[in-house]
Amino acid sequence: MIRHWGAALAATLLCAPSAPPPTMALDPARVTAVLDKAAFAGTVLIAQGDRIVYERAFGTIDPKGEAPHRLGEIWRWASVTKQLTATIAIQEVAAGRPDPDTPVRAYLPDSRAPGAESSRRAC
């Protein structure tokens, strides 16, 4: 059942007309207040286009509170990359790159993924 909902959502996103996202005014003090109240630990970067509008590190890396998060630190994302990759892929398709009707092998010739030689589109 969940697979069907995921396929329906993906088809809706791929077939929907794309419009540029609205530009919103950012209140850095409000972002900071919300993250402080939530006791957020990590780093936050918010950009509008190519311009960084908010960047800050919060909390500590370790449970003892001895090592603070710092901007520019490198740390593992693990499974979070799946959601980011999916979001970027959908944005690229909405922008006309890549063509969703082109088989995956056209872009990744060495792909061994099932169905990489054919194109399937739900729209």
PDB file of N, CA and C in Angstrom:
ATOM      1  N   MET A   1       0.818  -1.193   0.000  1.00  0.00           N
ATOM      2  CA  MET A   1       0.000   0.000   0.000  1.00  0.00           C
ATOM      3  C   MET A   1       0.863   1.258   0.000  1.00  0.00           C
ATOM      4  N   ILE A   2       1.899   1.273   0.838  1.00  0.00           N
ATOM      5  CA  ILE A   2       2.781   2.439   0.907  1.00  0.00           C
ATOM      6  C   ILE A   2       3.497   2.646  -0.418  1.00  0.00           C
ATOM      7  N   ARG A   3       3.877   1.539  -1.091  1.00  0.00           N
ATOM      8  CA  ARG A   3       4.545   1.657  -2.380  1.00  0.00           C
ATOM      9  C   ARG A   3       3.670   2.385  -3.388  1.00  0.00           C
ATOM     10  N   HIS A   4       2.362   2.059  -3.374  1.00  0.00           N
ATOM     11  CA  HIS A   4       1.443   2.689  -4.313  1.00  0.00           C
ATOM     12  C   HIS A   4       1.325   4.183  -4.043  1.00  0.00           C
ATOM     13  N   TRP A   5       1.279   4.565  -2.767  1.00  0.00           N
ATOM     14  CA  TRP A   5       1.213   5.983  -2.423  1.00  0.00           C
ATOM     15  C   TRP A   5       2.481   6.690  -2.862  1.00  0.00           C
ATOM     16  N   GLY A   6       3.631   6.039  -2.665  1.00  0.00           N
ATOM     17  CA  GLY A   6       4.900   6.639  -3.085  1.00  0.00           C
ATOM     18  C   GLY A   6       4.945   6.840  -4.587  1.00  0.00           C
ATOM     19  N   ALA A   7       4.472   5.838  -5.347  1.00  0.00           N
ATOM     20  CA  ALA A   7       4.449   5.954  -6.803  1.00  0.00           C
ATOM     21  C   ALA A   7       3.493   7.055  -7.244  1.00  0.00           C
ATOM     22  N   ALA A   8       2.348   7.151  -6.584  1.00  0.00           N
ATOM     23  CA  ALA A   8       1.384   8.196  -6.928  1.00  0.00           C
ATOM     24  C   ALA A   8       1.955   9.582  -6.636  1.00  0.00           C
ATOM     25  N   LEU A   9       2.632   9.721  -5.495  1.00  0.00           N
ATOM     26  CA  LEU A   9       3.239  11.007  -5.149  1.00  0.00           C
ATOM     27  C   LEU A   9       4.327  11.373  -6.146  1.00  0.00           C
ATOM     28  N   ALA A  10       5.183  10.413  -6.496  1.00  0.00           N
ATOM     29  CA  ALA A  10       6.255  10.680  -7.458  1.00  0.00           C
ATOM     30  C   ALA A  10       5.675  11.080  -8.809  1.00  0.00           C
ATOM     31  N   ALA A  11       4.628  10.374  -9.262  1.00  0.00           N
ATOM     32  CA  ALA A  11       4.005  10.703 -10.539  1.00  0.00           C
ATOM     33  C   ALA A  11       3.397  12.097 -10.498  1.00  0.00           C
ATOM     34  N   THR A  12       2.776  12.455  -9.391  1.00  0.00           N
ATOM     35  CA  THR A  12       2.184  13.785  -9.253  1.00  0.00           C
ATOM     36  C   THR A  12       3.256  14.861  -9.321  1.00  0.00           C
ATOM     37  N   LEU A  13       4.355  14.643  -8.615  1.00  0.00           N
ATOM     38  CA  LEU A  13       5.431  15.634  -8.618  1.00  0.00           C
ATOM     39  C   LEU A  13       6.084  15.749  -9.986  1.00  0.00           C
ATOM     40  N   LEU A  14       6.258  14.618 -10.676  1.00  0.00           N
ATOM     41  CA  LEU A  14       6.901  14.641 -11.982  1.00  0.00           C
ATOM     42  C   LEU A  14       6.011  15.272 -13.047  1.00  0.00           C
ATOM     43  N   CYS A  15       4.697  15.126 -12.901  1.00  0.00           N
ATOM     44  CA  CYS A  15       3.766  15.603 -13.918  1.00  0.00           C
ATOM     45  C   CYS A  15       3.256  17.011 -13.645  1.00  0.00           C
ATOM     46  N   ALA A  16       3.434  17.497 -12.435  1.00  0.00           N
ATOM     47  CA  ALA A  16       2.917  18.813 -12.072  1.00  0.00           C
ATOM     48  C   ALA A  16       3.725  19.904 -12.759  1.00  0.00           C
ATOM     49  N   PRO A  17       3.053  20.974 -13.208  1.00  0.00           N
ATOM     50  CA  PRO A  17       3.811  22.075 -13.788  1.00  0.00           C
ATOM     51  C   PRO A  17       4.692  22.709 -12.723  1.00  0.00           C
ATOM     52  N   SER A  18       5.898  23.068 -13.120  1.00  0.00           N
ATOM     53  CA  SER A  18       6.814  23.632 -12.133  1.00  0.00           C
ATOM     54  C   SER A  18       6.740  25.157 -12.162  1.00  0.00           C
ATOM     55  N   ALA A  19       6.815  25.725 -11.004  1.00  0.00           N
ATOM     56  CA  ALA A  19       6.844  27.175 -10.861  1.00  0.00           C
ATOM     57  C   ALA A  19       7.996  27.502  -9.936  1.00  0.00           C
ATOM     58  N   PRO A  20       8.657  28.630 -10.148  1.00  0.00           N
ATOM     59  CA  PRO A  20       9.755  28.971  -9.247  1.00  0.00           C
ATOM     60  C   PRO A  20       9.240  29.149  -7.827  1.00  0.00           C
ATOM     61  N   PRO A  21      10.017  28.702  -6.844  1.00  0.00           N
ATOM     62  CA  PRO A  21       9.565  28.854  -5.466  1.00  0.00           C
ATOM     63  C   PRO A  21       9.499  30.327  -5.086  1.00  0.00           C
ATOM     64  N   PRO A  22       8.546  30.678  -4.235  1.00  0.00           N
ATOM     65  CA  PRO A  22       8.450  32.083  -3.833  1.00  0.00           C
ATOM     66  C   PRO A  22       9.650  32.481  -2.984  1.00  0.00           C
ATOM     67  N   THR A  23      10.077  33.709  -3.126  1.00  0.00           N
ATOM     68  CA  THR A  23      11.155  34.227  -2.297  1.00  0.00           C
ATOM     69  C   THR A  23      10.534  34.768  -1.017  1.00  0.00           C
ATOM     70  N   MET A  24      11.038  34.292   0.108  1.00  0.00           N
ATOM     71  CA  MET A  24      10.479  34.707   1.394  1.00  0.00           C
ATOM     72  C   MET A  24      11.538  35.458   2.185  1.00  0.00           C
ATOM     73  N   ALA A  25      11.078  36.438   2.952  1.00  0.00           N
ATOM     74  CA  ALA A  25      11.985  37.148   3.834  1.00  0.00           C
ATOM     75  C   ALA A  25      12.308  36.240   5.014  1.00  0.00           C
ATOM     76  N   LEU A  26      13.548  36.177   5.375  1.00  0.00           N
ATOM     77  CA  LEU A  26      13.983  35.323   6.476  1.00  0.00           C
ATOM     78  C   LEU A  26      14.308  36.184   7.681  1.00  0.00           C
ATOM     79  N   ASP A  27      13.794  35.778   8.822  1.00  0.00           N
ATOM     80  CA  ASP A  27      14.087  36.467  10.069  1.00  0.00           C
ATOM     81  C   ASP A  27      15.085  35.603  10.845  1.00  0.00           C
ATOM     82  N   PRO A  28      16.383  35.902  10.759  1.00  0.00           N
ATOM     83  CA  PRO A  28      17.393  35.084  11.425  1.00  0.00           C
ATOM     84  C   PRO A  28      17.163  34.937  12.922  1.00  0.00           C
ATOM     85  N   ALA A  29      16.688  35.989  13.570  1.00  0.00           N
ATOM     86  CA  ALA A  29      16.445  35.916  15.016  1.00  0.00           C
ATOM     87  C   ALA A  29      15.354  34.895  15.328  1.00  0.00           C
ATOM     88  N   ARG A  30      14.340  34.834  14.479  1.00  0.00           N
ATOM     89  CA  ARG A  30      13.255  33.867  14.700  1.00  0.00           C
ATOM     90  C   ARG A  30      13.752  32.440  14.487  1.00  0.00           C
ATOM     91  N   VAL A  31      14.550  32.224  13.449  1.00  0.00           N
ATOM     92  CA  VAL A  31      15.119  30.892  13.205  1.00  0.00           C
ATOM     93  C   VAL A  31      15.939  30.462  14.413  1.00  0.00           C
ATOM     94  N   THR A  32      16.798  31.339  14.881  1.00  0.00           N
ATOM     95  CA  THR A  32      17.636  31.039  16.048  1.00  0.00           C
ATOM     96  C   THR A  32      16.787  30.737  17.269  1.00  0.00           C
ATOM     97  N   ALA A  33      15.759  31.536  17.519  1.00  0.00           N
ATOM     98  CA  ALA A  33      14.898  31.327  18.687  1.00  0.00           C
ATOM     99  C   ALA A  33      14.199  29.974  18.632  1.00  0.00           C
ATOM    100  N   VAL A  34      13.689  29.602  17.470  1.00  0.00           N
ATOM    101  CA  VAL A  34      13.002  28.312  17.325  1.00  0.00           C
ATOM    102  C   VAL A  34      13.964  27.158  17.566  1.00  0.00           C
ATOM    103  N   LEU A  35      15.156  27.239  16.988  1.00  0.00           N
ATOM    104  CA  LEU A  35      16.136  26.157  17.149  1.00  0.00           C
ATOM    105  C   LEU A  35      16.675  26.094  18.582  1.00  0.00           C
ATOM    106  N   ASP A  36      16.858  27.236  19.201  1.00  0.00           N
ATOM    107  CA  ASP A  36      17.282  27.244  20.618  1.00  0.00           C
ATOM    108  C   ASP A  36      16.215  26.613  21.504  1.00  0.00           C
ATOM    109  N   LYS A  37      14.955  26.979  21.268  1.00  0.00           N
ATOM    110  CA  LYS A  37      13.855  26.442  22.074  1.00  0.00           C
ATOM    111  C   LYS A  37      13.734  24.929  21.913  1.00  0.00           C
ATOM    112  N   ALA A  38      14.012  24.430  20.720  1.00  0.00           N
ATOM    113  CA  ALA A  38      13.934  22.990  20.457  1.00  0.00           C
ATOM    114  C   ALA A  38      15.181  22.253  20.911  1.00  0.00           C
ATOM    115  N   ALA A  39      16.165  22.978  21.435  1.00  0.00           N
ATOM    116  CA  ALA A  39      17.448  22.397  21.853  1.00  0.00           C
ATOM    117  C   ALA A  39      18.092  21.643  20.695  1.00  0.00           C
ATOM    118  N   PHE A  40      18.001  22.232  19.504  1.00  0.00           N
ATOM    119  CA  PHE A  40      18.574  21.625  18.305  1.00  0.00           C
ATOM    120  C   PHE A  40      20.082  21.548  18.415  1.00  0.00           C
ATOM    121  N   ALA A  41      20.649  20.430  17.974  1.00  0.00           N
ATOM    122  CA  ALA A  41      22.098  20.269  17.911  1.00  0.00           C
ATOM    123  C   ALA A  41      22.461  19.906  16.479  1.00  0.00           C
ATOM    124  N   GLY A  42      23.309  20.698  15.879  1.00  0.00           N
ATOM    125  CA  GLY A  42      23.731  20.465  14.506  1.00  0.00           C
ATOM    126  C   GLY A  42      24.065  21.781  13.840  1.00  0.00           C
ATOM    127  N   THR A  43      24.134  21.755  12.523  1.00  0.00           N
ATOM    128  CA  THR A  43      24.404  22.972  11.771  1.00  0.00           C
ATOM    129  C   THR A  43      23.250  23.240  10.823  1.00  0.00           C
ATOM    130  N   VAL A  44      23.005  24.512  10.575  1.00  0.00           N
ATOM    131  CA  VAL A  44      21.910  24.917   9.700  1.00  0.00           C
ATOM    132  C   VAL A  44      22.470  25.871   8.653  1.00  0.00           C
ATOM    133  N   LEU A  45      22.092  25.630   7.396  1.00  0.00           N
ATOM    134  CA  LEU A  45      22.446  26.530   6.312  1.00  0.00           C
ATOM    135  C   LEU A  45      21.187  26.736   5.491  1.00  0.00           C
ATOM    136  N   ILE A  46      20.781  27.969   5.316  1.00  0.00           N
ATOM    137  CA  ILE A  46      19.614  28.298   4.503  1.00  0.00           C
ATOM    138  C   ILE A  46      20.106  29.222   3.397  1.00  0.00           C
ATOM    139  N   ALA A  47      19.751  28.882   2.156  1.00  0.00           N
ATOM    140  CA  ALA A  47      20.167  29.685   1.012  1.00  0.00           C
ATOM    141  C   ALA A  47      18.961  30.048   0.176  1.00  0.00           C
ATOM    142  N   GLN A  48      19.049  31.174  -0.478  1.00  0.00           N
ATOM    143  CA  GLN A  48      18.079  31.579  -1.485  1.00  0.00           C
ATOM    144  C   GLN A  48      18.867  31.780  -2.763  1.00  0.00           C
ATOM    145  N   GLY A  49      18.660  30.860  -3.690  1.00  0.00           N
ATOM    146  CA  GLY A  49      19.476  30.876  -4.899  1.00  0.00           C
ATOM    147  C   GLY A  49      20.912  30.565  -4.529  1.00  0.00           C
ATOM    148  N   ASP A  50      21.821  31.390  -4.980  1.00  0.00           N
ATOM    149  CA  ASP A  50      23.248  31.182  -4.693  1.00  0.00           C
ATOM    150  C   ASP A  50      23.715  31.932  -3.449  1.00  0.00           C
ATOM    151  N   ARG A  51      22.802  32.577  -2.753  1.00  0.00           N
ATOM    152  CA  ARG A  51      23.177  33.416  -1.614  1.00  0.00           C
ATOM    153  C   ARG A  51      22.803  32.742  -0.296  1.00  0.00           C
ATOM    154  N   ILE A  52      23.772  32.587   0.589  1.00  0.00           N
ATOM    155  CA  ILE A  52      23.514  32.041   1.920  1.00  0.00           C
ATOM    156  C   ILE A  52      22.899  33.148   2.761  1.00  0.00           C
ATOM    157  N   VAL A  53      21.699  32.862   3.306  1.00  0.00           N
ATOM    158  CA  VAL A  53      21.017  33.879   4.102  1.00  0.00           C
ATOM    159  C   VAL A  53      21.052  33.572   5.593  1.00  0.00           C
ATOM    160  N   TYR A  54      21.415  32.341   5.953  1.00  0.00           N
ATOM    161  CA  TYR A  54      21.506  31.990   7.372  1.00  0.00           C
ATOM    162  C   TYR A  54      22.431  30.791   7.499  1.00  0.00           C
ATOM    163  N   GLU A  55      23.371  30.886   8.421  1.00  0.00           N
ATOM    164  CA  GLU A  55      24.296  29.778   8.667  1.00  0.00           C
ATOM    165  C   GLU A  55      24.739  29.842  10.128  1.00  0.00           C
ATOM    166  N   ARG A  56      24.506  28.743  10.839  1.00  0.00           N
ATOM    167  CA  ARG A  56      24.870  28.741  12.255  1.00  0.00           C
ATOM    168  C   ARG A  56      25.008  27.317  12.780  1.00  0.00           C
ATOM    169  N   ALA A  57      25.889  27.133  13.748  1.00  0.00           N
ATOM    170  CA  ALA A  57      26.050  25.851  14.431  1.00  0.00           C
ATOM    171  C   ALA A  57      25.397  25.951  15.808  1.00  0.00           C
ATOM    172  N   PHE A  58      24.757  24.861  16.228  1.00  0.00           N
ATOM    173  CA  PHE A  58      24.048  24.817  17.509  1.00  0.00           C
ATOM    174  C   PHE A  58      24.480  23.604  18.313  1.00  0.00           C
ATOM    175  N   GLY A  59      24.476  23.739  19.606  1.00  0.00           N
ATOM    176  CA  GLY A  59      24.649  22.604  20.512  1.00  0.00           C
ATOM    177  C   GLY A  59      26.002  21.927  20.430  1.00  0.00           C
ATOM    178  N   THR A  60      26.023  20.713  20.949  1.00  0.00           N
ATOM    179  CA  THR A  60      27.266  19.955  21.014  1.00  0.00           C
ATOM    180  C   THR A  60      27.150  18.644  20.250  1.00  0.00           C
ATOM    181  N   ILE A  61      28.307  18.123  19.867  1.00  0.00           N
ATOM    182  CA  ILE A  61      28.367  16.873  19.118  1.00  0.00           C
ATOM    183  C   ILE A  61      28.165  15.678  20.036  1.00  0.00           C
ATOM    184  N   ASP A  62      28.757  15.737  21.199  1.00  0.00           N
ATOM    185  CA  ASP A  62      28.726  14.590  22.119  1.00  0.00           C
ATOM    186  C   ASP A  62      27.705  14.804  23.242  1.00  0.00           C
ATOM    187  N   PRO A  63      27.186  13.709  23.792  1.00  0.00           N
ATOM    188  CA  PRO A  63      26.192  13.815  24.864  1.00  0.00           C
ATOM    189  C   PRO A  63      26.696  14.528  26.120  1.00  0.00           C
ATOM    190  N   LYS A  64      28.001  14.504  26.359  1.00  0.00           N
ATOM    191  CA  LYS A  64      28.559  15.163  27.548  1.00  0.00           C
ATOM    192  C   LYS A  64      28.603  16.683  27.392  1.00  0.00           C
ATOM    193  N   GLY A  65      28.419  17.166  26.168  1.00  0.00           N
ATOM    194  CA  GLY A  65      28.417  18.604  25.939  1.00  0.00           C
ATOM    195  C   GLY A  65      29.804  19.223  25.927  1.00  0.00           C
ATOM    196  N   GLU A  66      30.814  18.428  25.623  1.00  0.00           N
ATOM    197  CA  GLU A  66      32.188  18.950  25.645  1.00  0.00           C
ATOM    198  C   GLU A  66      32.687  19.432  24.285  1.00  0.00           C
ATOM    199  N   ALA A  67      32.073  18.971  23.199  1.00  0.00           N
ATOM    200  CA  ALA A  67      32.542  19.336  21.863  1.00  0.00           C
ATOM    201  C   ALA A  67      31.418  20.049  21.104  1.00  0.00           C
ATOM    202  N   PRO A  68      31.530  21.344  20.926  1.00  0.00           N
ATOM    203  CA  PRO A  68      30.465  22.077  20.241  1.00  0.00           C
ATOM    204  C   PRO A  68      30.461  21.803  18.733  1.00  0.00           C
ATOM    205  N   HIS A  69      29.275  21.891  18.134  1.00  0.00           N
ATOM    206  CA  HIS A  69      29.199  21.848  16.671  1.00  0.00           C
ATOM    207  C   HIS A  69      29.868  23.105  16.138  1.00  0.00           C
ATOM    208  N   ARG A  70      30.557  22.977  15.024  1.00  0.00           N
ATOM    209  CA  ARG A  70      31.208  24.122  14.379  1.00  0.00           C
ATOM    210  C   ARG A  70      30.867  24.128  12.902  1.00  0.00           C
ATOM    211  N   LEU A  71      30.727  25.319  12.350  1.00  0.00           N
ATOM    212  CA  LEU A  71      30.488  25.428  10.913  1.00  0.00           C
ATOM    213  C   LEU A  71      31.683  24.860  10.164  1.00  0.00           C
ATOM    214  N   GLY A  72      31.420  24.178   9.080  1.00  0.00           N
ATOM    215  CA  GLY A  72      32.490  23.631   8.257  1.00  0.00           C
ATOM    216  C   GLY A  72      32.965  22.259   8.668  1.00  0.00           C
ATOM    217  N   GLU A  73      32.484  21.734   9.780  1.00  0.00           N
ATOM    218  CA  GLU A  73      32.867  20.387  10.205  1.00  0.00           C
ATOM    219  C   GLU A  73      32.289  19.363   9.228  1.00  0.00           C
ATOM    220  N   ILE A  74      32.980  18.277   9.035  1.00  0.00           N
ATOM    221  CA  ILE A  74      32.511  17.193   8.179  1.00  0.00           C
ATOM    222  C   ILE A  74      32.008  16.071   9.063  1.00  0.00           C
ATOM    223  N   TRP A  75      30.774  15.582   8.768  1.00  0.00           N
ATOM    224  CA  TRP A  75      30.230  14.474   9.520  1.00  0.00           C
ATOM    225  C   TRP A  75      29.344  13.641   8.607  1.00  0.00           C
ATOM    226  N   ARG A  76      29.179  12.384   8.971  1.00  0.00           N
ATOM    227  CA  ARG A  76      28.444  11.435   8.136  1.00  0.00           C
ATOM    228  C   ARG A  76      26.960  11.754   8.082  1.00  0.00           C
ATOM    229  N   TRP A  77      26.391  11.664   6.901  1.00  0.00           N
ATOM    230  CA  TRP A  77      24.964  11.877   6.714  1.00  0.00           C
ATOM    231  C   TRP A  77      24.190  10.574   6.719  1.00  0.00           C
ATOM    232  N   ALA A  78      24.855   9.478   6.433  1.00  0.00           N
ATOM    233  CA  ALA A  78      24.224   8.161   6.404  1.00  0.00           C
ATOM    234  C   ALA A  78      23.005   8.157   5.492  1.00  0.00           C
ATOM    235  N   SER A  79      21.877   7.660   5.956  1.00  0.00           N
ATOM    236  CA  SER A  79      20.695   7.490   5.103  1.00  0.00           C
ATOM    237  C   SER A  79      19.989   8.787   4.738  1.00  0.00           C
ATOM    238  N   VAL A  80      20.379   9.902   5.314  1.00  0.00           N
ATOM    239  CA  VAL A  80      19.756  11.182   4.963  1.00  0.00           C
ATOM    240  C   VAL A  80      19.983  11.502   3.488  1.00  0.00           C
ATOM    241  N   THR A  81      21.065  10.992   2.910  1.00  0.00           N
ATOM    242  CA  THR A  81      21.361  11.298   1.511  1.00  0.00           C
ATOM    243  C   THR A  81      20.284  10.794   0.561  1.00  0.00           C
ATOM    244  N   LYS A  82      19.534   9.769   0.942  1.00  0.00           N
ATOM    245  CA  LYS A  82      18.464   9.262   0.066  1.00  0.00           C
ATOM    246  C   LYS A  82      17.400  10.327  -0.164  1.00  0.00           C
ATOM    247  N   GLN A  83      16.968  10.987   0.886  1.00  0.00           N
ATOM    248  CA  GLN A  83      15.947  12.019   0.743  1.00  0.00           C
ATOM    249  C   GLN A  83      16.482  13.215  -0.045  1.00  0.00           C
ATOM    250  N   LEU A  84      17.726  13.589   0.202  1.00  0.00           N
ATOM    251  CA  LEU A  84      18.320  14.708  -0.526  1.00  0.00           C
ATOM    252  C   LEU A  84      18.460  14.381  -2.003  1.00  0.00           C
ATOM    253  N   THR A  85      18.905  13.169  -2.307  1.00  0.00           N
ATOM    254  CA  THR A  85      19.062  12.762  -3.700  1.00  0.00           C
ATOM    255  C   THR A  85      17.714  12.766  -4.411  1.00  0.00           C
ATOM    256  N   ALA A  86      16.677  12.250  -3.767  1.00  0.00           N
ATOM    257  CA  ALA A  86      15.347  12.235  -4.371  1.00  0.00           C
ATOM    258  C   ALA A  86      14.839  13.656  -4.621  1.00  0.00           C
ATOM    259  N   THR A  87      15.039  14.548  -3.670  1.00  0.00           N
ATOM    260  CA  THR A  87      14.588  15.934  -3.818  1.00  0.00           C
ATOM    261  C   THR A  87      15.312  16.615  -4.977  1.00  0.00           C
ATOM    262  N   ILE A  88      16.616  16.451  -5.045  1.00  0.00           N
ATOM    263  CA  ILE A  88      17.398  17.063  -6.123  1.00  0.00           C
ATOM    264  C   ILE A  88      16.989  16.484  -7.469  1.00  0.00           C
ATOM    265  N   ALA A  89      16.776  15.166  -7.531  1.00  0.00           N
ATOM    266  CA  ALA A  89      16.372  14.529  -8.787  1.00  0.00           C
ATOM    267  C   ALA A  89      15.037  15.084  -9.274  1.00  0.00           C
ATOM    268  N   ILE A  90      14.064  15.223  -8.382  1.00  0.00           N
ATOM    269  CA  ILE A  90      12.746  15.751  -8.766  1.00  0.00           C
ATOM    270  C   ILE A  90      12.868  17.208  -9.216  1.00  0.00           C
ATOM    271  N   GLN A  91      13.699  17.999  -8.538  1.00  0.00           N
ATOM    272  CA  GLN A  91      13.894  19.393  -8.942  1.00  0.00           C
ATOM    273  C   GLN A  91      14.535  19.470 -10.328  1.00  0.00           C
ATOM    274  N   GLU A  92      15.489  18.600 -10.587  1.00  0.00           N
ATOM    275  CA  GLU A  92      16.149  18.595 -11.898  1.00  0.00           C
ATOM    276  C   GLU A  92      15.174  18.192 -13.003  1.00  0.00           C
ATOM    277  N   VAL A  93      14.346  17.194 -12.754  1.00  0.00           N
ATOM    278  CA  VAL A  93      13.345  16.779 -13.744  1.00  0.00           C
ATOM    279  C   VAL A  93      12.363  17.915 -13.991  1.00  0.00           C
ATOM    280  N   ALA A  94      11.934  18.590 -12.922  1.00  0.00           N
ATOM    281  CA  ALA A  94      11.008  19.713 -13.071  1.00  0.00           C
ATOM    282  C   ALA A  94      11.631  20.836 -13.900  1.00  0.00           C
ATOM    283  N   ALA A  95      12.944  20.983 -13.830  1.00  0.00           N
ATOM    284  CA  ALA A  95      13.644  22.017 -14.588  1.00  0.00           C
ATOM    285  C   ALA A  95      13.981  21.564 -16.013  1.00  0.00           C
ATOM    286  N   GLY A  96      13.591  20.316 -16.343  1.00  0.00           N
ATOM    287  CA  GLY A  96      13.852  19.817 -17.696  1.00  0.00           C
ATOM    288  C   GLY A  96      15.162  19.084 -17.848  1.00  0.00           C
ATOM    289  N   ARG A  97      15.858  18.809 -16.760  1.00  0.00           N
ATOM    290  CA  ARG A  97      17.110  18.065 -16.796  1.00  0.00           C
ATOM    291  C   ARG A  97      17.054  17.023 -15.691  1.00  0.00           C
ATOM    292  N   PRO A  98      17.215  15.826 -15.875  1.00  0.00           N
ATOM    293  CA  PRO A  98      17.289  15.089 -17.137  1.00  0.00           C
ATOM    294  C   PRO A  98      15.894  14.794 -17.664  1.00  0.00           C
ATOM    295  N   ASP A  99      15.819  14.254 -18.864  1.00  0.00           N
ATOM    296  CA  ASP A  99      14.538  13.870 -19.459  1.00  0.00           C
ATOM    297  C   ASP A  99      14.087  12.556 -18.824  1.00  0.00           C
ATOM    298  N   PRO A 100      12.935  12.544 -18.146  1.00  0.00           N
ATOM    299  CA  PRO A 100      12.501  11.317 -17.465  1.00  0.00           C
ATOM    300  C   PRO A 100      12.150  10.185 -18.425  1.00  0.00           C
ATOM    301  N   ASP A 101      12.010  10.473 -19.733  1.00  0.00           N
ATOM    302  CA  ASP A 101      11.724   9.415 -20.701  1.00  0.00           C
ATOM    303  C   ASP A 101      12.986   8.755 -21.240  1.00  0.00           C
ATOM    304  N   THR A 102      14.133   9.290 -20.899  1.00  0.00           N
ATOM    305  CA  THR A 102      15.397   8.716 -21.339  1.00  0.00           C
ATOM    306  C   THR A 102      15.820   7.621 -20.367  1.00  0.00           C
ATOM    307  N   PRO A 103      16.204   6.450 -20.896  1.00  0.00           N
ATOM    308  CA  PRO A 103      16.645   5.366 -20.004  1.00  0.00           C
ATOM    309  C   PRO A 103      17.834   5.790 -19.134  1.00  0.00           C
ATOM    310  N   VAL A 104      17.901   5.233 -17.938  1.00  0.00           N
ATOM    311  CA  VAL A 104      18.969   5.538 -16.989  1.00  0.00           C
ATOM    312  C   VAL A 104      20.339   5.285 -17.610  1.00  0.00           C
ATOM    313  N   ARG A 105      20.448   4.240 -18.417  1.00  0.00           N
ATOM    314  CA  ARG A 105      21.748   3.899 -19.018  1.00  0.00           C
ATOM    315  C   ARG A 105      22.299   5.006 -19.913  1.00  0.00           C
ATOM    316  N   ALA A 106      21.449   5.894 -20.417  1.00  0.00           N
ATOM    317  CA  ALA A 106      21.943   7.015 -21.225  1.00  0.00           C
ATOM    318  C   ALA A 106      22.785   7.953 -20.376  1.00  0.00           C
ATOM    319  N   TYR A 107      22.456   8.037 -19.083  1.00  0.00           N
ATOM    320  CA  TYR A 107      23.181   8.913 -18.164  1.00  0.00           C
ATOM    321  C   TYR A 107      24.239   8.152 -17.372  1.00  0.00           C
ATOM    322  N   LEU A 108      23.952   6.900 -17.060  1.00  0.00           N
ATOM    323  CA  LEU A 108      24.870   6.056 -16.286  1.00  0.00           C
ATOM    324  C   LEU A 108      25.087   4.754 -17.047  1.00  0.00           C
ATOM    325  N   PRO A 109      25.996   4.746 -18.044  1.00  0.00           N
ATOM    326  CA  PRO A 109      26.178   3.581 -18.912  1.00  0.00           C
ATOM    327  C   PRO A 109      26.513   2.282 -18.169  1.00  0.00           C
ATOM    328  N   ASP A 110      27.146   2.354 -17.028  1.00  0.00           N
ATOM    329  CA  ASP A 110      27.535   1.156 -16.288  1.00  0.00           C
ATOM    330  C   ASP A 110      26.494   0.699 -15.273  1.00  0.00           C
ATOM    331  N   SER A 111      25.318   1.333 -15.268  1.00  0.00           N
ATOM    332  CA  SER A 111      24.288   0.997 -14.288  1.00  0.00           C
ATOM    333  C   SER A 111      23.810  -0.438 -14.468  1.00  0.00           C
ATOM    334  N   ARG A 112      23.702  -1.130 -13.359  1.00  0.00           N
ATOM    335  CA  ARG A 112      23.170  -2.499 -13.358  1.00  0.00           C
ATOM    336  C   ARG A 112      21.789  -2.541 -12.705  1.00  0.00           C
ATOM    337  N   ALA A 113      21.198  -1.368 -12.510  1.00  0.00           N
ATOM    338  CA  ALA A 113      19.883  -1.296 -11.872  1.00  0.00           C
ATOM    339  C   ALA A 113      18.835  -1.972 -12.739  1.00  0.00           C
ATOM    340  N   PRO A 114      17.877  -2.659 -12.118  1.00  0.00           N
ATOM    341  CA  PRO A 114      16.791  -3.266 -12.895  1.00  0.00           C
ATOM    342  C   PRO A 114      16.044  -2.193 -13.680  1.00  0.00           C
ATOM    343  N   GLY A 115      15.798  -2.427 -14.937  1.00  0.00           N
ATOM    344  CA  GLY A 115      15.064  -1.470 -15.759  1.00  0.00           C
ATOM    345  C   GLY A 115      15.875  -0.298 -16.254  1.00  0.00           C
ATOM    346  N   ALA A 116      17.195  -0.336 -16.078  1.00  0.00           N
ATOM    347  CA  ALA A 116      18.040   0.794 -16.481  1.00  0.00           C
ATOM    348  C   ALA A 116      18.063   0.999 -17.993  1.00  0.00           C
ATOM    349  N   GLU A 117      17.695  -0.047 -18.736  1.00  0.00           N
ATOM    350  CA  GLU A 117      17.725   0.050 -20.211  1.00  0.00           C
ATOM    351  C   GLU A 117      16.423   0.568 -20.785  1.00  0.00           C
ATOM    352  N   SER A 118      15.376   0.631 -19.979  1.00  0.00           N
ATOM    353  CA  SER A 118      14.086   1.080 -20.497  1.00  0.00           C
ATOM    354  C   SER A 118      13.632   2.328 -19.761  1.00  0.00           C
ATOM    355  N   SER A 119      12.695   3.015 -20.369  1.00  0.00           N
ATOM    356  CA  SER A 119      12.128   4.194 -19.701  1.00  0.00           C
ATOM    357  C   SER A 119      10.678   3.897 -19.374  1.00  0.00           C
ATOM    358  N   ARG A 120      10.283   4.324 -18.188  1.00  0.00           N
ATOM    359  CA  ARG A 120       8.900   4.160 -17.734  1.00  0.00           C
ATOM    360  C   ARG A 120       8.454   5.482 -17.142  1.00  0.00           C
ATOM    361  N   ARG A 121       7.324   5.924 -17.579  1.00  0.00           N
ATOM    362  CA  ARG A 121       6.798   7.176 -17.022  1.00  0.00           C
ATOM    363  C   ARG A 121       5.316   6.987 -16.736  1.00  0.00           C
ATOM    364  N   ALA A 122       4.893   7.407 -15.573  1.00  0.00           N
ATOM    365  CA  ALA A 122       3.511   7.206 -15.139  1.00  0.00           C
ATOM    366  C   ALA A 122       2.560   8.238 -15.728  1.00  0.00           C
ATOM    367  N   CYS A 123       3.061   9.303 -16.361  1.00  0.00           N
ATOM    368  CA  CYS A 123       2.188  10.388 -16.829  1.00  0.00           C
ATOM    369  C   CYS A 123       1.654  10.073 -18.210  1.00  0.00           C
TER     370      CYS A 123
END
